[in-house]
Amino acid sequence: MDMMFVVVPAVFMAISGYLICRRLVELRRLIVIWRRGDHAEGRCLHTYTTRRSKSDGRTFTTRHHAFEFTTRNGERVRFEETDGPRTVGQGDFVPVTYLTNRPDRATARPRKEVREYLLAAGEIAFLMLFFAFAVSFLWSAQEFVPL
């Protein structure tokens, strides 16, 4: 029972640390594509939504888009992206940005670096708060459990 005071905060710290790193990697990927990528005209092949329900009755909807474009080399590439623009539907043409060496990691998101930085900063601040709470809980548990 005493180990719960150590294990639970450690799990919280690991999860929040993983989520922080994942968000930073995603942000870096988008910024690199936007700054160094080539541009092509893509077409939305289809869209669909998925829904997740929480135990308290809340539902979360995620919009998915499947795009196809042709690189400068003539290679046809298909990719899927989540949480894209709601105004894009099947058959619409959209600008696509991709890296020449990794066209499968393209994006059809419009370039909004400041917005992405602010969103990432808010998410990371929340996760850092969560991480700090776990550290303080672990620190206060030293009174009860000798480490």
Protein backbone atom coordinates (compact mmCIF):
# COMPACT_ATOMS: atom_id res chain seq x y z
CA MET A 1 0.00 0.00 0.00
CA ASP A 2 2.88 2.35 0.78
CA MET A 3 4.36 1.77 -2.68
CA MET A 4 1.21 3.26 -4.20
CA PHE A 5 2.48 6.68 -3.06
CA VAL A 6 5.55 6.11 -5.24
CA VAL A 7 4.18 4.14 -8.19
CA VAL A 8 1.13 6.31 -9.00
CA PRO A 9 3.07 9.63 -9.20
CA ALA A 10 5.81 7.90 -11.19
CA VAL A 11 3.24 6.67 -13.71
CA PHE A 12 1.73 10.18 -13.92
CA MET A 13 5.19 11.63 -14.49
CA ALA A 14 5.96 9.08 -17.22
CA ILE A 15 2.67 9.68 -19.03
CA SER A 16 2.94 13.46 -18.91
CA GLY A 17 6.60 13.33 -19.98
CA TYR A 18 5.70 11.11 -22.93
CA LEU A 19 2.84 13.42 -24.00
CA ILE A 20 5.09 16.50 -23.77
CA CYS A 21 7.74 14.86 -25.96
CA ARG A 22 5.15 13.63 -28.46
CA ARG A 23 3.63 17.12 -28.82
CA LEU A 24 7.05 18.72 -29.29
CA VAL A 25 7.97 16.18 -31.99
CA GLU A 26 4.65 16.79 -33.78
CA LEU A 27 5.13 20.56 -33.64
CA ARG A 28 8.70 20.28 -34.94
CA ARG A 29 7.52 18.05 -37.81
CA LEU A 30 4.89 20.57 -38.89
CA ILE A 31 7.25 23.54 -38.68
CA VAL A 32 9.96 21.75 -40.69
CA ILE A 33 7.45 20.79 -43.39
CA TRP A 34 6.05 24.32 -43.59
CA ARG A 35 9.48 25.97 -43.79
CA ARG A 36 11.41 23.54 -46.01
CA GLY A 37 8.68 21.72 -47.90
CA ASP A 38 7.68 21.73 -51.52
CA HIS A 39 4.16 22.60 -52.56
CA ALA A 40 1.74 20.66 -54.72
CA GLU A 41 -1.93 20.64 -55.45
CA GLY A 42 -3.71 17.82 -53.71
CA ARG A 43 -7.21 16.47 -53.82
CA CYS A 44 -9.38 15.29 -50.96
CA LEU A 45 -10.37 11.70 -51.71
CA HIS A 46 -12.77 11.28 -48.82
CA THR A 47 -13.57 12.44 -45.31
CA TYR A 48 -14.96 10.62 -42.32
CA THR A 49 -15.42 11.17 -38.63
CA THR A 50 -14.80 9.00 -35.61
CA ARG A 51 -16.44 9.46 -32.24
CA ARG A 52 -15.23 8.51 -28.79
CA SER A 53 -17.54 8.45 -25.82
CA LYS A 54 -16.43 9.01 -22.26
CA SER A 55 -18.05 7.30 -19.30
CA ASP A 56 -19.61 10.60 -18.19
CA GLY A 57 -21.57 10.87 -21.45
CA ARG A 58 -19.32 13.35 -23.30
CA THR A 59 -18.45 12.54 -26.90
CA PHE A 60 -15.45 13.68 -28.91
CA THR A 61 -15.51 13.81 -32.69
CA THR A 62 -12.36 13.67 -34.83
CA ARG A 63 -12.48 14.55 -38.52
CA HIS A 64 -10.22 12.59 -40.87
CA HIS A 65 -9.24 13.53 -44.44
CA ALA A 66 -7.60 11.33 -47.05
CA PHE A 67 -5.60 13.29 -49.63
CA GLU A 68 -3.72 12.46 -52.80
CA PHE A 69 -1.15 14.55 -54.66
CA THR A 70 1.64 14.18 -57.19
CA THR A 71 5.22 15.12 -56.28
CA ARG A 72 7.61 16.93 -58.61
CA ASN A 73 9.10 13.53 -59.50
CA GLY A 74 5.71 12.31 -60.72
CA GLU A 75 5.14 10.00 -57.75
CA ARG A 76 1.52 9.74 -56.56
CA VAL A 77 1.21 9.91 -52.80
CA ARG A 78 -1.80 9.32 -50.57
CA PHE A 79 -1.88 10.37 -46.96
CA GLU A 80 -4.37 10.81 -44.19
CA GLU A 81 -4.59 13.70 -41.75
CA THR A 82 -6.73 14.26 -38.67
CA ASP A 83 -8.39 17.46 -37.51
CA GLY A 84 -8.06 19.18 -40.85
CA PRO A 85 -10.19 22.09 -42.04
CA ARG A 86 -13.92 21.50 -41.72
CA THR A 87 -14.54 23.30 -44.99
CA VAL A 88 -12.67 20.69 -47.06
CA GLY A 89 -14.84 17.94 -48.49
CA GLN A 90 -14.54 15.07 -50.92
CA GLY A 91 -13.32 16.22 -54.33
CA ASP A 92 -11.95 19.58 -53.15
CA PHE A 93 -8.51 20.70 -54.26
CA VAL A 94 -6.16 21.86 -51.51
CA PRO A 95 -2.54 23.04 -51.31
CA VAL A 96 -0.28 20.32 -49.89
CA THR A 97 3.16 20.84 -48.39
CA TYR A 98 5.60 17.91 -48.24
CA LEU A 99 9.26 17.11 -47.75
CA THR A 100 11.00 15.77 -50.86
CA ASN A 101 12.57 12.86 -49.00
CA ARG A 102 9.36 12.00 -47.04
CA PRO A 103 6.29 12.79 -49.16
CA ASP A 104 4.21 10.35 -47.10
CA ARG A 105 4.42 12.83 -44.19
CA ALA A 106 2.73 15.64 -46.07
CA THR A 107 0.26 18.10 -44.60
CA ALA A 108 -2.70 19.97 -46.00
CA ARG A 109 -2.96 22.20 -42.96
CA PRO A 110 -2.58 25.89 -43.76
CA ARG A 111 0.60 27.49 -42.44
CA LYS A 112 -0.25 28.96 -39.04
CA GLU A 113 2.95 28.75 -37.04
CA VAL A 114 1.97 31.24 -34.33
CA ARG A 115 -1.31 29.41 -33.72
CA GLU A 116 0.48 26.05 -33.49
CA TYR A 117 3.07 27.51 -31.10
CA LEU A 118 0.35 28.91 -28.85
CA LEU A 119 -1.64 25.66 -28.85
CA ALA A 120 1.47 23.65 -28.10
CA ALA A 121 2.51 26.06 -25.34
CA GLY A 122 -0.90 25.73 -23.68
CA GLU A 123 -0.87 21.94 -23.88
CA ILE A 124 2.70 21.70 -22.63
CA ALA A 125 1.99 24.14 -19.77
CA PHE A 126 -0.93 21.99 -18.67
CA LEU A 127 1.18 18.82 -18.87
CA MET A 128 4.02 20.50 -16.97
CA LEU A 129 1.54 21.43 -14.25
CA PHE A 130 0.42 17.81 -14.15
CA PHE A 131 4.08 16.70 -13.99
CA ALA A 132 4.83 19.18 -11.17
CA PHE A 133 1.80 17.92 -9.22
CA ALA A 134 3.11 14.35 -9.49
CA VAL A 135 6.60 15.45 -8.38
CA SER A 136 5.20 17.34 -5.38
CA PHE A 137 3.04 14.36 -4.47
CA LEU A 138 6.06 12.09 -4.69
CA TRP A 139 8.09 14.56 -2.61
CA SER A 140 5.43 14.70 0.11
CA ALA A 141 5.17 10.90 0.10
CA GLN A 142 8.75 10.69 1.40
CA GLU A 143 7.37 11.42 4.86
CA PHE A 144 5.29 8.26 4.68
CA VAL A 145 7.48 5.98 2.60
CA PRO A 146 11.25 6.00 3.01
CA LEU A 147 12.75 5.93 -0.49
